[in-house]
Amino acid sequence: MKIFPNLQGPNRTAAQAVFVVIFMGGLAWASVPFYDWFCRVTGFGGITDVAEAGSDVILDQTIKVRFDASLERDMPWTFTPEVREMEVRIGETALAFYEAHNPTDEPVAGQAVYNVTPYEAGGFFDKIECFCFTEQVLQPGETVMMPVSFFVDPAIVKDREGQYVHTITLSYTFYQIDLPEEYAQAAIDPATALTTAPQRAIDTN
């Protein structure tokens, strides 16, 4: 199937570019999991790497990491980084926290999607552990500190584009999702004991 068959040259290219933007925006709005999968597979939007352990090499050179937080339009939580930025040595494992609070009178489940900017830094930003790896459930009035441990791959200093990156911004957006079955049942019947529960963040209550 050809898109915009009656357009030629620059007009056709511009129309196709607009189509791609609208299409990707539609995917992001209609299916957060599919959009997140697409980003992970293609590297679109500065998706990060995941590492099982920290780097064996730590450089004297440092890089600044900034932290950003936002919420999808209907997400009732508040969500902020504990600190707005930190300076770390390249290759050094660092730990940052985000604070989430559920001000409602019912449990709310959320899932975070993320990216880094500039996009060329995404392949060098390695997460070891992150609250974004699992769904999160906050009880009514609950506040938690959510950890993310990461390092910047020393290979960035030899990359053609990465070597010019001096500041990386790590951004998260939380979307509301359906409550896991055990939490939904407990909300209906408070006397029901939860025998299992997803991995939780650090509870500050």
C-alpha atoms as a PDB file:
ATOM      1  CA  MET A   1       0.000   0.000   0.000  1.00  0.00           C
ATOM      2  CA  LYS A   2       1.347   3.397  -0.975  1.00  0.00           C
ATOM      3  CA  ILE A   3       0.814   6.363   1.302  1.00  0.00           C
ATOM      4  CA  PHE A   4      -0.091   9.679  -0.384  1.00  0.00           C
ATOM      5  CA  PRO A   5       0.243   8.299  -3.962  1.00  0.00           C
ATOM      6  CA  ASN A   6      -0.664  11.640  -5.562  1.00  0.00           C
ATOM      7  CA  LEU A   7       2.065  13.627  -3.840  1.00  0.00           C
ATOM      8  CA  GLN A   8       5.544  13.965  -5.265  1.00  0.00           C
ATOM      9  CA  GLY A   9       8.987  15.130  -4.133  1.00  0.00           C
ATOM     10  CA  PRO A  10       9.327  17.278  -1.001  1.00  0.00           C
ATOM     11  CA  ASN A  11       5.571  17.458  -0.453  1.00  0.00           C
ATOM     12  CA  ARG A  12       5.335  13.678  -0.293  1.00  0.00           C
ATOM     13  CA  THR A  13       8.292  13.421   2.076  1.00  0.00           C
ATOM     14  CA  ALA A  14       6.816  16.051   4.383  1.00  0.00           C
ATOM     15  CA  ALA A  15       3.421  14.354   4.355  1.00  0.00           C
ATOM     16  CA  GLN A  16       4.980  10.991   5.191  1.00  0.00           C
ATOM     17  CA  ALA A  17       6.931  12.549   8.071  1.00  0.00           C
ATOM     18  CA  VAL A  18       3.733  14.037   9.496  1.00  0.00           C
ATOM     19  CA  PHE A  19       2.012  10.664   9.106  1.00  0.00           C
ATOM     20  CA  VAL A  20       4.769   8.906  11.077  1.00  0.00           C
ATOM     21  CA  VAL A  21       4.545  11.466  13.905  1.00  0.00           C
ATOM     22  CA  ILE A  22       0.759  11.144  14.086  1.00  0.00           C
ATOM     23  CA  PHE A  23       0.952   7.341  13.880  1.00  0.00           C
ATOM     24  CA  MET A  24       3.490   7.086  16.705  1.00  0.00           C
ATOM     25  CA  GLY A  25       1.509   9.532  18.803  1.00  0.00           C
ATOM     26  CA  GLY A  26      -1.556   7.370  18.281  1.00  0.00           C
ATOM     27  CA  LEU A  27       0.335   4.287  19.400  1.00  0.00           C
ATOM     28  CA  ALA A  28       1.537   6.072  22.533  1.00  0.00           C
ATOM     29  CA  TRP A  29      -2.009   7.148  23.357  1.00  0.00           C
ATOM     30  CA  ALA A  30      -3.721   3.885  22.476  1.00  0.00           C
ATOM     31  CA  SER A  31      -1.262   1.307  23.767  1.00  0.00           C
ATOM     32  CA  VAL A  32       1.404   2.233  26.286  1.00  0.00           C
ATOM     33  CA  PRO A  33       2.817  -1.332  26.481  1.00  0.00           C
ATOM     34  CA  PHE A  34       3.092  -1.609  22.681  1.00  0.00           C
ATOM     35  CA  TYR A  35       4.730   1.803  22.416  1.00  0.00           C
ATOM     36  CA  ASP A  36       7.198   0.882  25.164  1.00  0.00           C
ATOM     37  CA  TRP A  37       7.984  -2.407  23.365  1.00  0.00           C
ATOM     38  CA  PHE A  38       8.527  -0.556  20.094  1.00  0.00           C
ATOM     39  CA  CYS A  39      10.964   1.846  21.786  1.00  0.00           C
ATOM     40  CA  ARG A  40      12.907  -0.985  23.400  1.00  0.00           C
ATOM     41  CA  VAL A  41      13.254  -2.894  20.124  1.00  0.00           C
ATOM     42  CA  THR A  42      14.172   0.078  17.916  1.00  0.00           C
ATOM     43  CA  GLY A  43      15.945   2.370  20.394  1.00  0.00           C
ATOM     44  CA  PHE A  44      13.404   5.066  19.531  1.00  0.00           C
ATOM     45  CA  GLY A  45      13.134   7.820  22.114  1.00  0.00           C
ATOM     46  CA  GLY A  46      16.309   7.188  24.092  1.00  0.00           C
ATOM     47  CA  ILE A  47      15.446   3.857  25.683  1.00  0.00           C
ATOM     48  CA  THR A  48      18.146   2.694  28.082  1.00  0.00           C
ATOM     49  CA  ASP A  49      20.073  -0.568  28.477  1.00  0.00           C
ATOM     50  CA  VAL A  50      19.681  -3.030  31.354  1.00  0.00           C
ATOM     51  CA  ALA A  51      22.721  -4.535  33.103  1.00  0.00           C
ATOM     52  CA  GLU A  52      22.973  -7.420  35.574  1.00  0.00           C
ATOM     53  CA  ALA A  53      25.885  -5.811  37.439  1.00  0.00           C
ATOM     54  CA  GLY A  54      27.897  -2.614  37.600  1.00  0.00           C
ATOM     55  CA  SER A  55      30.794  -1.670  35.368  1.00  0.00           C
ATOM     56  CA  ASP A  56      34.292  -3.067  35.965  1.00  0.00           C
ATOM     57  CA  VAL A  57      35.774   0.231  34.769  1.00  0.00           C
ATOM     58  CA  ILE A  58      35.291   3.546  36.549  1.00  0.00           C
ATOM     59  CA  LEU A  59      36.765   6.675  34.995  1.00  0.00           C
ATOM     60  CA  ASP A  60      37.880   9.879  36.677  1.00  0.00           C
ATOM     61  CA  GLN A  61      35.719  11.736  34.166  1.00  0.00           C
ATOM     62  CA  THR A  62      32.284  12.729  35.457  1.00  0.00           C
ATOM     63  CA  ILE A  63      28.919  13.306  33.857  1.00  0.00           C
ATOM     64  CA  LYS A  64      25.822  15.103  35.126  1.00  0.00           C
ATOM     65  CA  VAL A  65      22.543  13.172  35.379  1.00  0.00           C
ATOM     66  CA  ARG A  66      19.271  15.050  35.701  1.00  0.00           C
ATOM     67  CA  PHE A  67      15.988  13.494  36.824  1.00  0.00           C
ATOM     68  CA  ASP A  68      12.525  14.301  35.514  1.00  0.00           C
ATOM     69  CA  ALA A  69       9.080  13.008  36.483  1.00  0.00           C
ATOM     70  CA  SER A  70       5.626  13.342  34.957  1.00  0.00           C
ATOM     71  CA  LEU A  71       2.212  11.704  35.100  1.00  0.00           C
ATOM     72  CA  GLU A  72      -0.198  10.583  32.413  1.00  0.00           C
ATOM     73  CA  ARG A  73      -3.246  12.845  32.365  1.00  0.00           C
ATOM     74  CA  ASP A  74      -5.577  10.652  34.466  1.00  0.00           C
ATOM     75  CA  MET A  75      -2.974   9.334  36.919  1.00  0.00           C
ATOM     76  CA  PRO A  76      -3.975  10.575  40.415  1.00  0.00           C
ATOM     77  CA  TRP A  77      -0.570  10.191  42.119  1.00  0.00           C
ATOM     78  CA  THR A  78       2.016  12.813  42.834  1.00  0.00           C
ATOM     79  CA  PHE A  79       5.442  11.823  41.539  1.00  0.00           C
ATOM     80  CA  THR A  80       8.757  13.684  41.910  1.00  0.00           C
ATOM     81  CA  PRO A  81      12.500  12.933  41.941  1.00  0.00           C
ATOM     82  CA  GLU A  82      14.191  13.129  45.353  1.00  0.00           C
ATOM     83  CA  VAL A  83      16.979  15.212  43.803  1.00  0.00           C
ATOM     84  CA  ARG A  84      16.889  17.041  40.491  1.00  0.00           C
ATOM     85  CA  GLU A  85      20.435  16.196  39.450  1.00  0.00           C
ATOM     86  CA  MET A  86      23.646  14.519  40.524  1.00  0.00           C
ATOM     87  CA  GLU A  87      27.173  14.276  39.180  1.00  0.00           C
ATOM     88  CA  VAL A  88      28.639  10.782  38.907  1.00  0.00           C
ATOM     89  CA  ARG A  89      31.861   9.276  37.651  1.00  0.00           C
ATOM     90  CA  ILE A  90      31.456   7.461  34.363  1.00  0.00           C
ATOM     91  CA  GLY A  91      31.216   3.723  35.105  1.00  0.00           C
ATOM     92  CA  GLU A  92      30.344   4.288  38.774  1.00  0.00           C
ATOM     93  CA  THR A  93      27.126   2.722  40.066  1.00  0.00           C
ATOM     94  CA  ALA A  94      24.788   5.408  41.402  1.00  0.00           C
ATOM     95  CA  LEU A  95      21.482   5.264  43.273  1.00  0.00           C
ATOM     96  CA  ALA A  96      18.618   7.725  42.872  1.00  0.00           C
ATOM     97  CA  PHE A  97      15.085   7.823  44.296  1.00  0.00           C
ATOM     98  CA  TYR A  98      11.709   9.012  43.087  1.00  0.00           C
ATOM     99  CA  GLU A  99       8.891   9.751  45.536  1.00  0.00           C
ATOM    100  CA  ALA A 100       5.344   8.659  44.708  1.00  0.00           C
ATOM    101  CA  HIS A 101       2.224   9.388  46.749  1.00  0.00           C
ATOM    102  CA  ASN A 102      -1.342   8.180  46.369  1.00  0.00           C
ATOM    103  CA  PRO A 103      -3.640  10.904  47.775  1.00  0.00           C
ATOM    104  CA  THR A 104      -6.842   8.998  46.975  1.00  0.00           C
ATOM    105  CA  ASP A 105      -8.968   6.799  49.233  1.00  0.00           C
ATOM    106  CA  GLU A 106      -8.439   3.654  47.144  1.00  0.00           C
ATOM    107  CA  PRO A 107      -5.436   1.602  45.935  1.00  0.00           C
ATOM    108  CA  VAL A 108      -4.000   2.705  42.589  1.00  0.00           C
ATOM    109  CA  ALA A 109      -1.662   0.700  40.342  1.00  0.00           C
ATOM    110  CA  GLY A 110       0.852   2.301  38.013  1.00  0.00           C
ATOM    111  CA  GLN A 111       3.546   1.408  35.496  1.00  0.00           C
ATOM    112  CA  ALA A 112       6.390   3.730  34.541  1.00  0.00           C
ATOM    113  CA  VAL A 113       7.782   4.214  31.047  1.00  0.00           C
ATOM    114  CA  TYR A 114      11.053   6.031  30.599  1.00  0.00           C
ATOM    115  CA  ASN A 115      13.680   7.453  28.289  1.00  0.00           C
ATOM    116  CA  VAL A 116      16.868   9.485  28.373  1.00  0.00           C
ATOM    117  CA  THR A 117      17.947  12.541  26.461  1.00  0.00           C
ATOM    118  CA  PRO A 118      19.939  13.211  24.437  1.00  0.00           C
ATOM    119  CA  TYR A 119      18.824  10.082  22.584  1.00  0.00           C
ATOM    120  CA  GLU A 120      22.372   9.112  21.610  1.00  0.00           C
ATOM    121  CA  ALA A 121      23.107   8.543  25.311  1.00  0.00           C
ATOM    122  CA  GLY A 122      20.404   5.885  25.692  1.00  0.00           C
ATOM    123  CA  GLY A 123      22.654   3.010  24.672  1.00  0.00           C
ATOM    124  CA  PHE A 124      25.225   4.002  27.294  1.00  0.00           C
ATOM    125  CA  PHE A 125      22.845   4.481  30.225  1.00  0.00           C
ATOM    126  CA  ASP A 126      22.626   1.123  32.032  1.00  0.00           C
ATOM    127  CA  LYS A 127      20.047   0.354  34.714  1.00  0.00           C
ATOM    128  CA  ILE A 128      20.767  -2.405  37.197  1.00  0.00           C
ATOM    129  CA  GLU A 129      17.578  -2.169  39.266  1.00  0.00           C
ATOM    130  CA  CYS A 130      14.571   0.060  38.711  1.00  0.00           C
ATOM    131  CA  PHE A 131      11.022   0.508  39.964  1.00  0.00           C
ATOM    132  CA  CYS A 132      10.050   0.748  36.301  1.00  0.00           C
ATOM    133  CA  PHE A 133      10.791  -2.966  35.803  1.00  0.00           C
ATOM    134  CA  THR A 134       7.594  -3.925  37.674  1.00  0.00           C
ATOM    135  CA  GLU A 135       4.119  -2.548  38.255  1.00  0.00           C
ATOM    136  CA  GLN A 136       3.647  -0.526  41.428  1.00  0.00           C
ATOM    137  CA  VAL A 137       0.609  -0.448  43.720  1.00  0.00           C
ATOM    138  CA  LEU A 138       0.106   2.306  46.289  1.00  0.00           C
ATOM    139  CA  GLN A 139      -2.501   1.976  49.005  1.00  0.00           C
ATOM    140  CA  PRO A 140      -4.742   4.924  49.996  1.00  0.00           C
ATOM    141  CA  GLY A 141      -2.572   7.739  51.361  1.00  0.00           C
ATOM    142  CA  GLU A 142       0.625   5.728  50.890  1.00  0.00           C
ATOM    143  CA  THR A 143       3.969   7.348  50.056  1.00  0.00           C
ATOM    144  CA  VAL A 144       6.957   5.355  48.797  1.00  0.00           C
ATOM    145  CA  MET A 145      10.520   6.085  47.714  1.00  0.00           C
ATOM    146  CA  MET A 146      11.238   4.225  44.474  1.00  0.00           C
ATOM    147  CA  PRO A 147      14.909   3.407  43.751  1.00  0.00           C
ATOM    148  CA  VAL A 148      16.803   3.214  40.488  1.00  0.00           C
ATOM    149  CA  SER A 149      20.444   2.101  40.351  1.00  0.00           C
ATOM    150  CA  PHE A 150      22.418   2.819  37.212  1.00  0.00           C
ATOM    151  CA  PHE A 151      25.773   3.623  35.656  1.00  0.00           C
ATOM    152  CA  VAL A 152      26.973   5.342  32.506  1.00  0.00           C
ATOM    153  CA  ASP A 153      28.963   2.962  30.299  1.00  0.00           C
ATOM    154  CA  PRO A 154      32.600   4.111  29.920  1.00  0.00           C
ATOM    155  CA  ALA A 155      32.291   3.348  26.196  1.00  0.00           C
ATOM    156  CA  ILE A 156      30.444   6.646  25.865  1.00  0.00           C
ATOM    157  CA  VAL A 157      33.727   8.577  25.928  1.00  0.00           C
ATOM    158  CA  LYS A 158      34.896   6.843  22.741  1.00  0.00           C
ATOM    159  CA  ASP A 159      31.625   7.039  20.844  1.00  0.00           C
ATOM    160  CA  ARG A 160      31.525   9.433  17.903  1.00  0.00           C
ATOM    161  CA  GLU A 161      28.465  11.273  19.278  1.00  0.00           C
ATOM    162  CA  GLY A 162      28.437  10.153  22.906  1.00  0.00           C
ATOM    163  CA  GLN A 163      31.805  11.728  23.704  1.00  0.00           C
ATOM    164  CA  TYR A 164      30.180  15.163  23.449  1.00  0.00           C
ATOM    165  CA  VAL A 165      27.422  14.373  25.946  1.00  0.00           C
ATOM    166  CA  HIS A 166      28.026  16.081  29.286  1.00  0.00           C
ATOM    167  CA  THR A 167      24.506  15.937  30.750  1.00  0.00           C
ATOM    168  CA  ILE A 168      21.960  13.104  30.590  1.00  0.00           C
ATOM    169  CA  THR A 169      18.315  13.540  31.585  1.00  0.00           C
ATOM    170  CA  LEU A 170      16.454  10.473  32.851  1.00  0.00           C
ATOM    171  CA  SER A 171      12.693  10.884  32.504  1.00  0.00           C
ATOM    172  CA  TYR A 172       9.814   8.776  33.812  1.00  0.00           C
ATOM    173  CA  THR A 173       6.089   8.971  33.148  1.00  0.00           C
ATOM    174  CA  PHE A 174       3.666   6.969  35.292  1.00  0.00           C
ATOM    175  CA  TYR A 175       0.496   5.564  33.737  1.00  0.00           C
ATOM    176  CA  GLN A 176      -2.414   4.143  35.672  1.00  0.00           C
ATOM    177  CA  ILE A 177      -3.062   0.452  35.026  1.00  0.00           C
ATOM    178  CA  ASP A 178      -5.629  -2.068  36.235  1.00  0.00           C
ATOM    179  CA  LEU A 179      -5.122  -3.327  39.766  1.00  0.00           C
ATOM    180  CA  PRO A 180      -3.575  -6.805  39.984  1.00  0.00           C
ATOM    181  CA  GLU A 181      -6.233  -9.390  40.816  1.00  0.00           C
ATOM    182  CA  GLU A 182      -5.159  -9.902  44.418  1.00  0.00           C
ATOM    183  CA  TYR A 183      -5.305  -6.155  45.135  1.00  0.00           C
ATOM    184  CA  ALA A 184      -8.635  -5.746  43.383  1.00  0.00           C
ATOM    185  CA  GLN A 185     -10.097  -8.583  45.475  1.00  0.00           C
ATOM    186  CA  ALA A 186      -8.731  -7.042  48.670  1.00  0.00           C
ATOM    187  CA  ALA A 187     -10.319  -3.713  47.735  1.00  0.00           C
ATOM    188  CA  ILE A 188     -13.685  -5.454  47.396  1.00  0.00           C
ATOM    189  CA  ASP A 189     -13.236  -7.508  50.573  1.00  0.00           C
ATOM    190  CA  PRO A 190     -10.776  -5.874  53.039  1.00  0.00           C
ATOM    191  CA  ALA A 191     -10.853  -9.042  55.154  1.00  0.00           C
ATOM    192  CA  THR A 192      -9.155 -10.938  52.330  1.00  0.00           C
ATOM    193  CA  ALA A 193      -5.494 -11.510  53.195  1.00  0.00           C
ATOM    194  CA  LEU A 194      -2.936 -11.021  50.428  1.00  0.00           C
ATOM    195  CA  THR A 195      -0.827 -14.147  50.236  1.00  0.00           C
ATOM    196  CA  THR A 196       1.337 -12.804  47.417  1.00  0.00           C
ATOM    197  CA  ALA A 197       2.263  -9.307  46.279  1.00  0.00           C
ATOM    198  CA  PRO A 198       4.424  -7.767  43.556  1.00  0.00           C
ATOM    199  CA  GLN A 199       7.862  -6.419  44.335  1.00  0.00           C
ATOM    200  CA  ARG A 200       7.400  -3.170  46.229  1.00  0.00           C
ATOM    201  CA  ALA A 201       9.348   0.017  46.505  1.00  0.00           C
ATOM    202  CA  ILE A 202      10.582   1.391  49.838  1.00  0.00           C
ATOM    203  CA  ASP A 203       7.598   2.395  51.986  1.00  0.00           C
ATOM    204  CA  THR A 204       8.104   5.676  53.865  1.00  0.00           C
ATOM    205  CA  ASN A 205       4.941   5.423  55.972  1.00  0.00           C
END
